[in-house]
Amino acid sequence: EIRLVKQGCWTYIGDQQDCHDDRCVVTTTPSQIQNGTYRFCCCSTNMCNVNFTENWVPSPTSTTQEQQPLHRDEAIFIALASVSIAAVLIVALFFGYRMMMGECKQGLHNMDMIEAAPSEPSLDLDSLKLLELIGRGRYGSVYKGSLDERPVAVKVFTYANRQNFVNERSIYRIPLLEHENIARFIVG
């Protein structure tokens, strides 16, 4: 729908050849004022602008109505891309953190291995004989055995309970912790 805003005679300053036609024909692209709804034409005869016609060829570029969905699509694409990149970055940071903590824990485990290295005088464990199972518990088993023909108690820990062994060994190494009713730690 075309709504006439202003119509009338005016003094035209410029090239008079533009307005020598006896009909009012719009030959230029609509102005961007009011979203491209304003048109301009001029003619030189009386009442020639009562009827006007449009004779302009739309440019092959998109109009503002077509550009608006394009901008909306671009905004949606940029938002989705940003969220996707942020999600990938968060996942990468999470796994990086987990790997670093795993290495840190592995480093602590390796420190335990170094700590567990025998600092006691080494004994020939080939002469150790396990004679009888005395008891089996949550953390390991206790055997009656002999080492170089002397009676000994042997506590065997599973690998999963290695930390319990390290803790127990450190307790037995407390200075001045010697009593006839406390077992003596020989080697581990």
Protein backbone atom coordinates (compact mmCIF):
# COMPACT_ATOMS: atom_id res chain seq x y z
CA GLU A 1 0.00 0.00 0.00
CA ILE A 2 1.31 3.41 -0.95
CA ARG A 3 0.48 6.39 1.26
CA LEU A 4 1.01 9.85 -0.15
CA VAL A 5 2.86 12.03 2.35
CA LYS A 6 3.47 15.24 0.37
CA GLN A 7 2.56 16.37 -3.09
CA GLY A 8 2.83 19.80 -4.69
CA CYS A 9 4.91 22.32 -6.62
CA TRP A 10 8.34 23.39 -5.61
CA THR A 11 11.20 25.33 -7.00
CA TYR A 12 13.80 22.89 -8.18
CA ILE A 13 17.41 24.00 -8.02
CA GLY A 14 19.69 21.88 -10.12
CA ASP A 15 19.54 20.27 -13.53
CA GLN A 16 16.21 21.24 -15.09
CA GLN A 17 16.36 18.26 -17.45
CA ASP A 18 15.47 15.95 -14.54
CA CYS A 19 11.99 17.43 -14.32
CA HIS A 20 11.07 18.01 -18.01
CA ASP A 21 8.91 14.94 -18.28
CA ASP A 22 5.13 15.38 -18.40
CA ARG A 23 4.56 12.30 -16.22
CA CYS A 24 5.72 11.69 -12.65
CA VAL A 25 7.89 8.55 -12.84
CA VAL A 26 9.93 7.24 -9.90
CA THR A 27 13.22 6.08 -11.43
CA THR A 28 15.49 5.92 -8.39
CA THR A 29 15.78 3.36 -5.61
CA PRO A 30 13.53 4.20 -2.65
CA SER A 31 15.14 6.25 0.07
CA GLN A 32 16.10 4.47 3.28
CA ILE A 33 13.94 6.93 5.21
CA GLN A 34 11.06 5.12 6.90
CA ASN A 35 12.46 1.70 5.92
CA GLY A 36 12.51 2.41 2.18
CA THR A 37 8.92 3.60 1.86
CA TYR A 38 9.67 7.15 0.57
CA ARG A 39 9.76 7.75 -3.22
CA PHE A 40 10.60 10.85 -5.23
CA CYS A 41 9.53 11.97 -8.69
CA CYS A 42 9.20 15.29 -10.46
CA CYS A 43 7.55 16.49 -13.66
CA SER A 44 7.01 19.81 -15.43
CA THR A 45 3.35 20.00 -16.49
CA ASN A 46 0.35 21.09 -14.46
CA MET A 47 -1.06 18.41 -12.15
CA CYS A 48 1.39 15.86 -13.56
CA ASN A 49 2.06 14.39 -10.14
CA VAL A 50 -1.56 13.39 -9.51
CA ASN A 51 -0.68 9.97 -10.88
CA PHE A 52 2.79 8.59 -10.53
CA THR A 53 4.36 5.33 -11.57
CA GLU A 54 7.37 3.41 -10.36
CA ASN A 55 9.91 2.47 -12.96
CA TRP A 56 12.96 1.55 -10.95
CA VAL A 57 14.76 -1.78 -11.05
CA PRO A 58 15.47 -3.28 -7.64
CA SER A 59 19.16 -3.84 -7.07
CA PRO A 60 20.30 -7.46 -6.96
CA THR A 61 21.51 -6.95 -3.40
CA SER A 62 19.15 -7.94 -0.66
CA THR A 63 16.66 -5.48 0.73
CA THR A 64 16.47 -4.54 4.36
CA GLN A 65 13.67 -7.02 4.97
CA GLU A 66 15.84 -9.82 3.61
CA GLN A 67 18.89 -8.56 5.51
CA GLN A 68 17.14 -8.66 8.84
CA PRO A 69 16.75 -12.48 8.90
CA LEU A 70 20.33 -12.74 7.68
CA HIS A 71 21.51 -10.69 10.67
CA ARG A 72 19.36 -12.84 12.94
CA ASP A 73 20.83 -16.03 11.44
CA GLU A 74 24.34 -14.63 11.87
CA ALA A 75 23.62 -13.76 15.49
CA ILE A 76 22.29 -17.27 16.16
CA PHE A 77 25.33 -18.83 14.47
CA ILE A 78 27.75 -16.66 16.45
CA ALA A 79 25.96 -17.45 19.71
CA LEU A 80 25.98 -21.21 19.04
CA ALA A 81 29.62 -21.13 17.97
CA SER A 82 30.58 -19.21 21.12
CA VAL A 83 28.72 -21.62 23.38
CA SER A 84 30.25 -24.62 21.58
CA ILE A 85 33.78 -23.23 21.88
CA ALA A 86 33.21 -22.43 25.56
CA ALA A 87 31.91 -25.97 26.19
CA VAL A 88 34.91 -27.55 24.43
CA LEU A 89 37.26 -25.31 26.40
CA ILE A 90 35.60 -26.22 29.72
CA VAL A 91 35.79 -29.95 28.91
CA ALA A 92 39.45 -29.61 27.89
CA LEU A 93 40.27 -27.74 31.10
CA PHE A 94 38.42 -30.36 33.15
CA PHE A 95 40.33 -33.25 31.59
CA GLY A 96 43.60 -31.33 31.83
CA TYR A 97 42.96 -30.76 35.53
CA ARG A 98 42.11 -34.44 36.04
CA MET A 99 45.28 -35.51 34.24
CA MET A 100 47.42 -33.14 36.31
CA MET A 101 45.83 -34.39 39.53
CA GLY A 102 46.40 -37.95 38.36
CA GLU A 103 50.08 -37.19 37.75
CA CYS A 104 50.25 -35.53 41.14
CA LYS A 105 48.72 -38.59 42.79
CA GLN A 106 51.01 -40.83 40.75
CA GLY A 107 53.93 -38.71 41.91
CA LEU A 108 52.85 -39.23 45.53
CA HIS A 109 52.54 -42.95 44.86
CA ASN A 110 56.05 -42.98 43.41
CA MET A 111 57.28 -41.12 46.49
CA ASP A 112 55.79 -43.90 48.61
CA MET A 113 57.68 -46.40 46.49
CA ILE A 114 60.90 -44.52 47.13
CA GLU A 115 60.04 -44.30 50.82
CA ALA A 116 59.28 -48.00 50.89
CA ALA A 117 62.74 -48.84 49.68
CA PRO A 118 64.39 -50.96 52.34
CA SER A 119 66.49 -48.88 54.67
CA GLU A 120 66.85 -51.79 57.06
CA PRO A 121 69.66 -54.22 56.66
CA SER A 122 68.62 -56.55 53.91
CA LEU A 123 67.79 -60.08 54.92
CA ASP A 124 67.83 -63.17 52.82
CA LEU A 125 64.11 -63.74 52.41
CA ASP A 126 64.79 -66.99 50.54
CA SER A 127 65.02 -68.71 53.92
CA LEU A 128 61.57 -67.39 54.95
CA LYS A 129 59.05 -70.18 55.33
CA LEU A 130 55.32 -69.65 55.83
CA LEU A 131 54.18 -72.48 58.08
CA GLU A 132 50.61 -71.79 59.15
CA LEU A 133 47.87 -69.25 58.43
CA ILE A 134 47.01 -67.63 61.74
CA GLY A 135 44.36 -65.20 60.54
CA ARG A 136 42.94 -63.40 57.57
CA GLY A 137 41.50 -59.90 57.92
CA ARG A 138 40.36 -56.90 56.01
CA TYR A 139 43.84 -55.66 55.10
CA GLY A 140 45.79 -58.87 54.70
CA SER A 141 46.78 -62.20 56.22
CA VAL A 142 49.03 -63.16 59.15
CA TYR A 143 51.16 -66.30 59.00
CA LYS A 144 53.32 -68.15 61.48
CA GLY A 145 56.64 -68.68 59.84
CA SER A 146 60.36 -69.10 60.30
CA LEU A 147 63.27 -66.99 59.15
CA ASP A 148 66.68 -68.58 59.53
CA GLU A 149 65.08 -71.16 61.86
CA ARG A 150 63.75 -68.42 64.18
CA PRO A 151 59.97 -68.13 64.69
CA VAL A 152 58.45 -65.02 63.09
CA ALA A 153 55.01 -63.62 62.35
CA VAL A 154 54.54 -62.60 58.72
CA LYS A 155 51.88 -60.10 57.77
CA VAL A 156 51.04 -60.11 54.05
CA PHE A 157 49.21 -57.07 52.65
CA THR A 158 47.45 -56.98 49.29
CA TYR A 159 48.65 -54.36 46.82
CA ALA A 160 45.36 -52.50 47.24
CA ASN A 161 46.21 -52.06 50.94
CA ARG A 162 49.75 -50.87 50.32
CA GLN A 163 49.12 -47.59 52.12
CA ASN A 164 48.15 -49.54 55.25
CA PHE A 165 51.54 -51.26 55.11
CA VAL A 166 53.34 -47.92 54.79
CA ASN A 167 51.38 -46.53 57.76
CA GLU A 168 52.03 -49.58 59.93
CA ARG A 169 55.73 -49.59 59.09
CA SER A 170 56.03 -45.91 60.03
CA ILE A 171 54.41 -46.67 63.41
CA TYR A 172 56.91 -49.46 64.10
CA ARG A 173 59.75 -47.03 63.31
CA ILE A 174 58.76 -44.55 66.03
CA PRO A 175 61.82 -44.06 68.25
CA LEU A 176 61.78 -45.78 71.65
CA LEU A 177 58.74 -47.87 70.71
CA GLU A 178 60.10 -51.10 72.08
CA HIS A 179 58.24 -53.37 74.43
CA GLU A 180 58.12 -57.12 74.89
CA ASN A 181 54.41 -57.18 74.03
CA ILE A 182 54.80 -55.17 70.79
CA ALA A 183 55.92 -57.06 67.73
CA ARG A 184 59.21 -55.92 66.29
CA PHE A 185 59.40 -54.88 62.64
CA ILE A 186 62.22 -56.70 60.89
CA VAL A 187 61.91 -55.97 57.18
CA GLY A 188 59.24 -55.00 54.66
